[in-house]
Each structure stands twice: as C-alpha cells, then as structure tokens.
PDB file of all heavy atoms in Angstrom:
ATOM      1  N   GLN A   1     -87.361 -44.947-105.749  1.00  0.00           N
ATOM      2  CA  GLN A   1     -86.622 -45.889-104.900  1.00  0.00           C
ATOM      3  C   GLN A   1     -85.329 -45.297-104.457  1.00  0.00           C
ATOM      4  O   GLN A   1     -84.928 -45.377-103.253  1.00  0.00           O
ATOM      5  CB  GLN A   1     -86.303 -47.199-105.673  1.00  0.00           C
ATOM      6  CG  GLN A   1     -87.554 -47.944-105.950  1.00  0.00           C
ATOM      7  CD  GLN A   1     -87.260 -49.049-107.005  1.00  0.00           C
ATOM      8  OE1 GLN A   1     -86.323 -49.011-107.793  1.00  0.00           O
ATOM      9  NE2 GLN A   1     -88.165 -50.081-107.022  1.00  0.00           N
ATOM     10  N   LEU A   2     -84.623 -44.628-105.304  1.00  0.00           N
ATOM     11  CA  LEU A   2     -83.371 -43.939-104.970  1.00  0.00           C
ATOM     12  C   LEU A   2     -83.564 -42.910-103.901  1.00  0.00           C
ATOM     13  O   LEU A   2     -82.849 -42.832-102.857  1.00  0.00           O
ATOM     14  CB  LEU A   2     -82.735 -43.339-106.212  1.00  0.00           C
ATOM     15  CG  LEU A   2     -81.398 -42.594-105.974  1.00  0.00           C
ATOM     16  CD1 LEU A   2     -80.338 -43.486-105.434  1.00  0.00           C
ATOM     17  CD2 LEU A   2     -80.972 -41.901-107.275  1.00  0.00           C
ATOM     18  N   SER A   3     -84.585 -42.083-104.071  1.00  0.00           N
ATOM     19  CA  SER A   3     -84.864 -41.024-103.079  1.00  0.00           C
ATOM     20  C   SER A   3     -85.233 -41.606-101.766  1.00  0.00           C
ATOM     21  O   SER A   3     -84.754 -41.114-100.685  1.00  0.00           O
ATOM     22  CB  SER A   3     -86.046 -40.224-103.638  1.00  0.00           C
ATOM     23  OG  SER A   3     -86.358 -39.162-102.726  1.00  0.00           O
ATOM     24  N   TYR A   4     -85.989 -42.651-101.732  1.00  0.00           N
ATOM     25  CA  TYR A   4     -86.382 -43.324-100.499  1.00  0.00           C
ATOM     26  C   TYR A   4     -85.161 -43.908 -99.763  1.00  0.00           C
ATOM     27  O   TYR A   4     -84.978 -43.675 -98.586  1.00  0.00           O
ATOM     28  CB  TYR A   4     -87.464 -44.426-100.736  1.00  0.00           C
ATOM     29  CG  TYR A   4     -87.955 -44.998 -99.459  1.00  0.00           C
ATOM     30  CD1 TYR A   4     -88.935 -44.284 -98.716  1.00  0.00           C
ATOM     31  CD2 TYR A   4     -87.484 -46.185 -98.968  1.00  0.00           C
ATOM     32  CE1 TYR A   4     -89.450 -44.819 -97.551  1.00  0.00           C
ATOM     33  CE2 TYR A   4     -88.022 -46.709 -97.723  1.00  0.00           C
ATOM     34  CZ  TYR A   4     -88.959 -46.043 -97.037  1.00  0.00           C
ATOM     35  OH  TYR A   4     -89.441 -46.609 -95.928  1.00  0.00           O
ATOM     36  N   LEU A   5     -84.339 -44.539-100.502  1.00  0.00           N
ATOM     37  CA  LEU A   5     -83.092 -45.160 -99.887  1.00  0.00           C
ATOM     38  C   LEU A   5     -82.140 -44.044 -99.416  1.00  0.00           C
ATOM     39  O   LEU A   5     -81.540 -44.173 -98.373  1.00  0.00           O
ATOM     40  CB  LEU A   5     -82.458 -46.012-100.924  1.00  0.00           C
ATOM     41  CG  LEU A   5     -83.235 -47.309-101.169  1.00  0.00           C
ATOM     42  CD1 LEU A   5     -82.673 -48.011-102.459  1.00  0.00           C
ATOM     43  CD2 LEU A   5     -83.195 -48.295-100.034  1.00  0.00           C
ATOM     44  N   ASN A   6     -82.101 -42.918-100.160  1.00  0.00           N
ATOM     45  CA  ASN A   6     -81.225 -41.820 -99.762  1.00  0.00           C
ATOM     46  C   ASN A   6     -81.770 -41.236 -98.409  1.00  0.00           C
ATOM     47  O   ASN A   6     -80.965 -40.864 -97.595  1.00  0.00           O
ATOM     48  CB  ASN A   6     -81.172 -40.760-100.782  1.00  0.00           C
ATOM     49  CG  ASN A   6     -80.231 -41.079-101.859  1.00  0.00           C
ATOM     50  OD1 ASN A   6     -79.233 -41.820-101.754  1.00  0.00           O
ATOM     51  ND2 ASN A   6     -80.407 -40.484-103.071  1.00  0.00           N
ATOM     52  N   SER A   7     -83.067 -41.109 -98.353  1.00  0.00           N
ATOM     53  CA  SER A   7     -83.683 -40.613 -97.132  1.00  0.00           C
ATOM     54  C   SER A   7     -83.360 -41.532 -95.868  1.00  0.00           C
ATOM     55  O   SER A   7     -83.365 -41.006 -94.733  1.00  0.00           O
ATOM     56  CB  SER A   7     -85.179 -40.433 -97.209  1.00  0.00           C
ATOM     57  OG  SER A   7     -85.833 -41.654 -97.187  1.00  0.00           O
ATOM     58  N   LEU A   8     -83.182 -42.779 -96.121  1.00  0.00           N
ATOM     59  CA  LEU A   8     -82.776 -43.720 -95.031  1.00  0.00           C
ATOM     60  C   LEU A   8     -81.327 -43.670 -94.646  1.00  0.00           C
ATOM     61  O   LEU A   8     -80.885 -44.245 -93.740  1.00  0.00           O
ATOM     62  CB  LEU A   8     -83.186 -45.122 -95.381  1.00  0.00           C
ATOM     63  CG  LEU A   8     -84.679 -45.400 -95.537  1.00  0.00           C
ATOM     64  CD1 LEU A   8     -84.893 -46.829 -95.911  1.00  0.00           C
ATOM     65  CD2 LEU A   8     -85.409 -45.136 -94.189  1.00  0.00           C
ATOM     66  N   GLY A   9     -80.562 -43.029 -95.583  1.00  0.00           N
ATOM     67  CA  GLY A   9     -79.089 -42.940 -95.377  1.00  0.00           C
ATOM     68  C   GLY A   9     -78.426 -44.159 -95.947  1.00  0.00           C
ATOM     69  O   GLY A   9     -77.328 -44.540 -95.445  1.00  0.00           O
ATOM     70  N   CYS A  10     -78.924 -44.804 -96.934  1.00  0.00           N
ATOM     71  CA  CYS A  10     -78.321 -46.005 -97.534  1.00  0.00           C
ATOM     72  C   CYS A  10     -76.947 -45.567 -98.155  1.00  0.00           C
ATOM     73  O   CYS A  10     -76.927 -44.607 -98.919  1.00  0.00           O
ATOM     74  CB  CYS A  10     -79.265 -46.576 -98.587  1.00  0.00           C
ATOM     75  SG  CYS A  10     -78.756 -48.227 -99.086  1.00  0.00           S
ATOM     76  N   ASP A  11     -75.934 -46.344 -97.897  1.00  0.00           N
ATOM     77  CA  ASP A  11     -74.597 -45.980 -98.322  1.00  0.00           C
ATOM     78  C   ASP A  11     -74.386 -46.111 -99.861  1.00  0.00           C
ATOM     79  O   ASP A  11     -73.793 -45.282-100.488  1.00  0.00           O
ATOM     80  CB  ASP A  11     -73.557 -46.867 -97.638  1.00  0.00           C
ATOM     81  CG  ASP A  11     -73.556 -46.686 -96.066  1.00  0.00           C
ATOM     82  OD1 ASP A  11     -73.477 -45.533 -95.720  1.00  0.00           O
ATOM     83  OD2 ASP A  11     -73.728 -47.737 -95.459  1.00  0.00           O
ATOM     84  N   VAL A  12     -74.820 -47.293-100.373  1.00  0.00           N
ATOM     85  CA  VAL A  12     -74.496 -47.623-101.823  1.00  0.00           C
ATOM     86  C   VAL A  12     -75.743 -48.231-102.373  1.00  0.00           C
ATOM     87  O   VAL A  12     -76.470 -49.014-101.765  1.00  0.00           O
ATOM     88  CB  VAL A  12     -73.384 -48.666-101.855  1.00  0.00           C
ATOM     89  CG1 VAL A  12     -73.108 -49.050-103.305  1.00  0.00           C
ATOM     90  CG2 VAL A  12     -72.102 -48.093-101.182  1.00  0.00           C
ATOM     91  N   VAL A  13     -76.054 -47.846-103.620  1.00  0.00           N
ATOM     92  CA  VAL A  13     -77.166 -48.449-104.367  1.00  0.00           C
ATOM     93  C   VAL A  13     -76.651 -48.931-105.747  1.00  0.00           C
ATOM     94  O   VAL A  13     -75.719 -48.358-106.233  1.00  0.00           O
ATOM     95  CB  VAL A  13     -78.348 -47.477-104.542  1.00  0.00           C
ATOM     96  CG1 VAL A  13     -78.962 -47.128-103.232  1.00  0.00           C
ATOM     97  CG2 VAL A  13     -77.917 -46.196-105.259  1.00  0.00           C
ATOM     98  N   GLN A  14     -77.256 -49.880-106.263  1.00  0.00           N
ATOM     99  CA  GLN A  14     -76.987 -50.371-107.563  1.00  0.00           C
ATOM    100  C   GLN A  14     -78.179 -50.852-108.210  1.00  0.00           C
ATOM    101  O   GLN A  14     -79.213 -51.204-107.573  1.00  0.00           O
ATOM    102  CB  GLN A  14     -75.887 -51.476-107.446  1.00  0.00           C
ATOM    103  CG  GLN A  14     -76.408 -52.787-106.705  1.00  0.00           C
ATOM    104  CD  GLN A  14     -75.321 -53.748-106.566  1.00  0.00           C
ATOM    105  OE1 GLN A  14     -74.266 -53.481-106.099  1.00  0.00           O
ATOM    106  NE2 GLN A  14     -75.717 -55.067-106.786  1.00  0.00           N
ATOM    107  N   GLY A  15     -78.165 -50.824-109.554  1.00  0.00           N
ATOM    108  CA  GLY A  15     -79.349 -51.261-110.321  1.00  0.00           C
ATOM    109  C   GLY A  15     -79.414 -50.656-111.638  1.00  0.00           C
ATOM    110  O   GLY A  15     -78.678 -49.847-112.078  1.00  0.00           O
ATOM    111  N   TYR A  16     -80.503 -50.997-112.354  1.00  0.00           N
ATOM    112  CA  TYR A  16     -80.644 -50.608-113.787  1.00  0.00           C
ATOM    113  C   TYR A  16     -80.871 -49.049-113.902  1.00  0.00           C
ATOM    114  O   TYR A  16     -80.718 -48.501-114.983  1.00  0.00           O
ATOM    115  CB  TYR A  16     -81.839 -51.312-114.396  1.00  0.00           C
ATOM    116  CG  TYR A  16     -81.611 -52.748-114.671  1.00  0.00           C
ATOM    117  CD1 TYR A  16     -82.706 -53.635-114.783  1.00  0.00           C
ATOM    118  CD2 TYR A  16     -80.302 -53.237-114.841  1.00  0.00           C
ATOM    119  CE1 TYR A  16     -82.471 -54.987-114.999  1.00  0.00           C
ATOM    120  CE2 TYR A  16     -80.098 -54.560-115.077  1.00  0.00           C
ATOM    121  CZ  TYR A  16     -81.215 -55.479-115.164  1.00  0.00           C
ATOM    122  OH  TYR A  16     -80.997 -56.775-115.368  1.00  0.00           O
ATOM    123  N   LEU A  17     -81.182 -48.354-112.801  1.00  0.00           N
ATOM    124  CA  LEU A  17     -81.286 -46.893-112.907  1.00  0.00           C
ATOM    125  C   LEU A  17     -79.941 -46.331-113.322  1.00  0.00           C
ATOM    126  O   LEU A  17     -79.898 -45.340-114.015  1.00  0.00           O
ATOM    127  CB  LEU A  17     -81.675 -46.338-111.537  1.00  0.00           C
ATOM    128  CG  LEU A  17     -81.851 -44.782-111.395  1.00  0.00           C
ATOM    129  CD1 LEU A  17     -82.906 -44.288-112.353  1.00  0.00           C
ATOM    130  CD2 LEU A  17     -82.084 -44.381-110.019  1.00  0.00           C
ATOM    131  N   PHE A  18     -78.861 -46.975-112.995  1.00  0.00           N
ATOM    132  CA  PHE A  18     -77.538 -46.481-113.299  1.00  0.00           C
ATOM    133  C   PHE A  18     -76.931 -47.140-114.519  1.00  0.00           C
ATOM    134  O   PHE A  18     -75.974 -46.595-115.099  1.00  0.00           O
ATOM    135  CB  PHE A  18     -76.624 -46.675-112.071  1.00  0.00           C
ATOM    136  CG  PHE A  18     -77.230 -46.133-110.832  1.00  0.00           C
ATOM    137  CD1 PHE A  18     -77.792 -46.957-109.924  1.00  0.00           C
ATOM    138  CD2 PHE A  18     -77.263 -44.787-110.676  1.00  0.00           C
ATOM    139  CE1 PHE A  18     -78.417 -46.368-108.796  1.00  0.00           C
ATOM    140  CE2 PHE A  18     -77.835 -44.214-109.521  1.00  0.00           C
ATOM    141  CZ  PHE A  18     -78.363 -45.080-108.586  1.00  0.00           C
ATOM    142  N   GLY A  19     -77.427 -48.282-114.894  1.00  0.00           N
ATOM    143  CA  GLY A  19     -76.903 -49.004-116.110  1.00  0.00           C
ATOM    144  C   GLY A  19     -77.142 -50.490-116.006  1.00  0.00           C
ATOM    145  O   GLY A  19     -77.227 -51.068-114.913  1.00  0.00           O
ATOM    146  N   ARG A  20     -77.203 -51.157-117.116  1.00  0.00           N
ATOM    147  CA  ARG A  20     -77.345 -52.516-117.189  1.00  0.00           C
ATOM    148  C   ARG A  20     -75.991 -53.260-116.878  1.00  0.00           C
ATOM    149  O   ARG A  20     -74.893 -52.598-117.108  1.00  0.00           O
ATOM    150  CB  ARG A  20     -77.837 -52.950-118.594  1.00  0.00           C
ATOM    151  CG  ARG A  20     -79.093 -52.397-118.966  1.00  0.00           C
ATOM    152  CD  ARG A  20     -80.217 -53.304-118.506  1.00  0.00           C
ATOM    153  NE  ARG A  20     -81.528 -52.646-118.847  1.00  0.00           N
ATOM    154  CZ  ARG A  20     -82.648 -53.083-118.368  1.00  0.00           C
ATOM    155  NH1 ARG A  20     -82.676 -54.036-117.473  1.00  0.00           N
ATOM    156  NH2 ARG A  20     -83.818 -52.534-118.711  1.00  0.00           N
ATOM    157  N   ALA A  21     -76.084 -54.420-116.480  1.00  0.00           N
ATOM    158  CA  ALA A  21     -74.810 -55.213-116.248  1.00  0.00           C
ATOM    159  C   ALA A  21     -74.124 -55.464-117.564  1.00  0.00           C
ATOM    160  O   ALA A  21     -74.777 -55.659-118.550  1.00  0.00           O
ATOM    161  CB  ALA A  21     -75.135 -56.525-115.525  1.00  0.00           C
ATOM    162  N   ILE A  22     -72.813 -55.221-117.581  1.00  0.00           N
ATOM    163  CA  ILE A  22     -72.023 -55.497-118.757  1.00  0.00           C
ATOM    164  C   ILE A  22     -70.817 -56.360-118.362  1.00  0.00           C
ATOM    165  O   ILE A  22     -70.400 -56.443-117.212  1.00  0.00           O
ATOM    166  CB  ILE A  22     -71.572 -54.211-119.460  1.00  0.00           C
ATOM    167  CG1 ILE A  22     -70.721 -53.328-118.490  1.00  0.00           C
ATOM    168  CG2 ILE A  22     -72.743 -53.424-119.996  1.00  0.00           C
ATOM    169  CD1 ILE A  22     -70.075 -52.073-119.137  1.00  0.00           C
ATOM    170  N   SER A  23     -70.203 -56.977-119.357  1.00  0.00           N
ATOM    171  CA  SER A  23     -69.026 -57.836-119.130  1.00  0.00           C
ATOM    172  C   SER A  23     -67.788 -56.926-118.890  1.00  0.00           C
ATOM    173  O   SER A  23     -67.774 -55.758-119.231  1.00  0.00           O
ATOM    174  CB  SER A  23     -68.756 -58.691-120.363  1.00  0.00           C
ATOM    175  OG  SER A  23     -68.288 -57.968-121.428  1.00  0.00           O
ATOM    176  N   LEU A  24     -66.775 -57.497-118.374  1.00  0.00           N
ATOM    177  CA  LEU A  24     -65.527 -56.796-118.121  1.00  0.00           C
ATOM    178  C   LEU A  24     -64.911 -56.273-119.401  1.00  0.00           C
ATOM    179  O   LEU A  24     -64.456 -55.119-119.495  1.00  0.00           O
ATOM    180  CB  LEU A  24     -64.516 -57.677-117.457  1.00  0.00           C
ATOM    181  CG  LEU A  24     -63.176 -57.054-117.031  1.00  0.00           C
ATOM    182  CD1 LEU A  24     -63.411 -55.827-116.185  1.00  0.00           C
ATOM    183  CD2 LEU A  24     -62.270 -58.046-116.385  1.00  0.00           C
ATOM    184  N   ASN A  25     -65.019 -57.021-120.476  1.00  0.00           N
ATOM    185  CA  ASN A  25     -64.565 -56.559-121.838  1.00  0.00           C
ATOM    186  C   ASN A  25     -65.301 -55.397-122.307  1.00  0.00           C
ATOM    187  O   ASN A  25     -64.705 -54.425-122.811  1.00  0.00           O
ATOM    188  CB  ASN A  25     -64.559 -57.746-122.814  1.00  0.00           C
ATOM    189  CG  ASN A  25     -63.488 -58.815-122.629  1.00  0.00           C
ATOM    190  OD1 ASN A  25     -62.510 -58.531-121.968  1.00  0.00           O
ATOM    191  ND2 ASN A  25     -63.793 -60.020-123.141  1.00  0.00           N
ATOM    192  N   GLN A  26     -66.635 -55.390-122.061  1.00  0.00           N
ATOM    193  CA  GLN A  26     -67.469 -54.231-122.556  1.00  0.00           C
ATOM    194  C   GLN A  26     -67.066 -52.997-121.721  1.00  0.00           C
ATOM    195  O   GLN A  26     -67.016 -51.931-122.259  1.00  0.00           O
ATOM    196  CB  GLN A  26     -68.917 -54.539-122.387  1.00  0.00           C
ATOM    197  CG  GLN A  26     -69.431 -55.561-123.396  1.00  0.00           C
ATOM    198  CD  GLN A  26     -70.870 -55.984-123.046  1.00  0.00           C
ATOM    199  OE1 GLN A  26     -71.209 -56.318-121.898  1.00  0.00           O
ATOM    200  NE2 GLN A  26     -71.757 -55.951-124.036  1.00  0.00           N
ATOM    201  N   LEU A  27     -66.851 -53.173-120.457  1.00  0.00           N
ATOM    202  CA  LEU A  27     -66.437 -52.042-119.597  1.00  0.00           C
ATOM    203  C   LEU A  27     -65.150 -51.492-120.049  1.00  0.00           C
ATOM    204  O   LEU A  27     -64.980 -50.260-120.145  1.00  0.00           O
ATOM    205  CB  LEU A  27     -66.415 -52.492-118.092  1.00  0.00           C
ATOM    206  CG  LEU A  27     -65.848 -51.439-117.079  1.00  0.00           C
ATOM    207  CD1 LEU A  27     -66.852 -50.212-117.121  1.00  0.00           C
ATOM    208  CD2 LEU A  27     -65.754 -52.018-115.745  1.00  0.00           C
ATOM    209  N   ALA A  28     -64.198 -52.362-120.298  1.00  0.00           N
ATOM    210  CA  ALA A  28     -62.821 -51.953-120.770  1.00  0.00           C
ATOM    211  C   ALA A  28     -62.995 -51.098-122.110  1.00  0.00           C
ATOM    212  O   ALA A  28     -62.391 -50.039-122.270  1.00  0.00           O
ATOM    213  CB  ALA A  28     -61.896 -53.107-120.981  1.00  0.00           C
ATOM    214  N   GLN A  29     -63.817 -51.623-123.022  1.00  0.00           N
ATOM    215  CA  GLN A  29     -63.990 -50.886-124.266  1.00  0.00           C
ATOM    216  C   GLN A  29     -64.602 -49.576-124.085  1.00  0.00           C
ATOM    217  O   GLN A  29     -64.177 -48.520-124.656  1.00  0.00           O
ATOM    218  CB  GLN A  29     -64.917 -51.732-125.190  1.00  0.00           C
ATOM    219  CG  GLN A  29     -64.176 -52.997-125.766  1.00  0.00           C
ATOM    220  CD  GLN A  29     -65.181 -53.868-126.594  1.00  0.00           C
ATOM    221  OE1 GLN A  29     -66.364 -53.601-126.617  1.00  0.00           O
ATOM    222  NE2 GLN A  29     -64.637 -54.879-127.203  1.00  0.00           N
ATOM    223  N   GLN A  30     -65.614 -49.484-123.182  1.00  0.00           N
ATOM    224  CA  GLN A  30     -66.257 -48.192-122.878  1.00  0.00           C
ATOM    225  C   GLN A  30     -65.274 -47.227-122.320  1.00  0.00           C
ATOM    226  O   GLN A  30     -65.210 -46.029-122.649  1.00  0.00           O
ATOM    227  CB  GLN A  30     -67.443 -48.386-121.932  1.00  0.00           C
ATOM    228  CG  GLN A  30     -68.719 -48.770-122.559  1.00  0.00           C
ATOM    229  CD  GLN A  30     -69.819 -48.771-121.536  1.00  0.00           C
ATOM    230  OE1 GLN A  30     -69.715 -48.602-120.367  1.00  0.00           O
ATOM    231  NE2 GLN A  30     -71.063 -48.960-122.032  1.00  0.00           N
ATOM    232  N   LEU A  31     -64.481 -47.671-121.338  1.00  0.00           N
ATOM    233  CA  LEU A  31     -63.532 -46.799-120.672  1.00  0.00           C
ATOM    234  C   LEU A  31     -62.497 -46.300-121.632  1.00  0.00           C
ATOM    235  O   LEU A  31     -62.070 -45.141-121.651  1.00  0.00           O
ATOM    236  CB  LEU A  31     -62.873 -47.507-119.471  1.00  0.00           C
ATOM    237  CG  LEU A  31     -63.793 -47.720-118.324  1.00  0.00           C
ATOM    238  CD1 LEU A  31     -63.074 -48.541-117.222  1.00  0.00           C
ATOM    239  CD2 LEU A  31     -64.292 -46.409-117.665  1.00  0.00           C
ATOM    240  N   ASN A  32     -61.969 -47.202-122.492  1.00  0.00           N
ATOM    241  CA  ASN A  32     -61.018 -46.865-123.467  1.00  0.00           C
ATOM    242  C   ASN A  32     -61.521 -45.949-124.522  1.00  0.00           C
ATOM    243  O   ASN A  32     -60.880 -44.989-124.982  1.00  0.00           O
ATOM    244  CB  ASN A  32     -60.381 -48.063-124.090  1.00  0.00           C
ATOM    245  CG  ASN A  32     -59.405 -48.838-123.090  1.00  0.00           C
ATOM    246  OD1 ASN A  32     -58.796 -48.159-122.287  1.00  0.00           O
ATOM    247  ND2 ASN A  32     -59.399 -50.102-123.179  1.00  0.00           N
ATOM    248  N   SER A  33     -62.718 -46.194-125.021  1.00  0.00           N
ATOM    249  CA  SER A  33     -63.315 -45.392-126.107  1.00  0.00           C
ATOM    250  C   SER A  33     -63.788 -43.962-125.595  1.00  0.00           C
ATOM    251  O   SER A  33     -63.793 -43.062-126.383  1.00  0.00           O
ATOM    252  CB  SER A  33     -64.457 -46.063-126.731  1.00  0.00           C
ATOM    253  OG  SER A  33     -65.577 -46.196-125.893  1.00  0.00           O
ATOM    254  N   ASP A  34     -64.270 -43.917-124.370  1.00  0.00           N
ATOM    255  CA  ASP A  34     -64.776 -42.641-123.824  1.00  0.00           C
ATOM    256  C   ASP A  34     -63.627 -41.695-123.413  1.00  0.00           C
ATOM    257  O   ASP A  34     -63.849 -40.602-122.925  1.00  0.00           O
ATOM    258  CB  ASP A  34     -65.672 -42.861-122.630  1.00  0.00           C
ATOM    259  CG  ASP A  34     -67.002 -43.499-123.088  1.00  0.00           C
ATOM    260  OD1 ASP A  34     -67.310 -43.390-124.310  1.00  0.00           O
ATOM    261  OD2 ASP A  34     -67.675 -43.976-122.227  1.00  0.00           O
ATOM    262  N   GLN A  35     -62.427 -42.186-123.521  1.00  0.00           N
ATOM    263  CA  GLN A  35     -61.245 -41.385-123.206  1.00  0.00           C
ATOM    264  C   GLN A  35     -61.248 -40.872-121.706  1.00  0.00           C
ATOM    265  O   GLN A  35     -60.894 -39.803-121.420  1.00  0.00           O
ATOM    266  CB  GLN A  35     -61.053 -40.218-124.129  1.00  0.00           C
ATOM    267  CG  GLN A  35     -60.838 -40.641-125.544  1.00  0.00           C
ATOM    268  CD  GLN A  35     -60.746 -39.506-126.553  1.00  0.00           C
ATOM    269  OE1 GLN A  35     -60.848 -38.332-126.200  1.00  0.00           O
ATOM    270  NE2 GLN A  35     -60.467 -39.795-127.783  1.00  0.00           N
ATOM    271  N   LEU A  36     -61.829 -41.762-120.881  1.00  0.00           N
ATOM    272  CA  LEU A  36     -61.802 -41.437-119.439  1.00  0.00           C
ATOM    273  C   LEU A  36     -60.397 -41.626-118.829  1.00  0.00           C
ATOM    274  O   LEU A  36     -60.157 -41.217-117.737  1.00  0.00           O
ATOM    275  CB  LEU A  36     -62.838 -42.272-118.661  1.00  0.00           C
ATOM    276  CG  LEU A  36     -64.299 -42.138-119.099  1.00  0.00           C
ATOM    277  CD1 LEU A  36     -65.177 -43.059-118.450  1.00  0.00           C
ATOM    278  CD2 LEU A  36     -64.748 -40.625-118.782  1.00  0.00           C
ATOM    279  N   LEU A  37     -59.560 -42.366-119.587  1.00  0.00           N
ATOM    280  CA  LEU A  37     -58.254 -42.689-119.103  1.00  0.00           C
ATOM    281  C   LEU A  37     -57.209 -42.030-120.039  1.00  0.00           C
ATOM    282  O   LEU A  37     -57.598 -41.664-121.115  1.00  0.00           O
ATOM    283  CB  LEU A  37     -58.070 -44.213-119.154  1.00  0.00           C
ATOM    284  CG  LEU A  37     -59.007 -45.061-118.296  1.00  0.00           C
ATOM    285  CD1 LEU A  37     -58.867 -46.518-118.539  1.00  0.00           C
ATOM    286  CD2 LEU A  37     -58.746 -44.794-116.804  1.00  0.00           C
ATOM    287  N   PRO A  38     -56.055 -41.870-119.524  1.00  0.00           N
ATOM    288  CA  PRO A  38     -55.028 -41.370-120.407  1.00  0.00           C
ATOM    289  C   PRO A  38     -54.886 -42.211-121.702  1.00  0.00           C
ATOM    290  O   PRO A  38     -55.135 -43.419-121.641  1.00  0.00           O
ATOM    291  CB  PRO A  38     -53.701 -41.426-119.613  1.00  0.00           C
ATOM    292  CG  PRO A  38     -54.192 -41.503-118.182  1.00  0.00           C
ATOM    293  CD  PRO A  38     -55.546 -42.157-118.233  1.00  0.00           C
ATOM    294  N   LYS A  39     -54.460 -41.669-122.830  1.00  0.00           N
ATOM    295  CA  LYS A  39     -54.432 -42.443-124.049  1.00  0.00           C
ATOM    296  C   LYS A  39     -53.560 -43.643-124.039  1.00  0.00           C
ATOM    297  O   LYS A  39     -53.802 -44.619-124.680  1.00  0.00           O
ATOM    298  CB  LYS A  39     -54.033 -41.529-125.205  1.00  0.00           C
ATOM    299  CG  LYS A  39     -55.003 -40.485-125.543  1.00  0.00           C
ATOM    300  CD  LYS A  39     -54.679 -39.705-126.751  1.00  0.00           C
ATOM    301  CE  LYS A  39     -55.750 -38.699-126.977  1.00  0.00           C
ATOM    302  NZ  LYS A  39     -55.793 -38.161-128.298  1.00  0.00           N
TER     303      LYS A  39
END
C-alpha cells in the first residue's frame, strides 16, 4: 500500500504500518524515555 501510494505521489500516509494509535500521555512517556529530547 505504501509503495502504491508513493508511486501516486501521495504527500502523507498514516496507519498501523508506522505504529498503533497511542494516547498523548503514552507519547510523552515514549519521547521522554527514549531521550529524543534534551534531559
């Protein structure tokens, strides 16, 4: 699906291929624990 949409020039895709939906709190915990942000 991703390849097909890329071939059409689709700007943005979203879906389970990239990750399941999570709450804002879960996202904040992931970002803070993965050290993607300054400490």
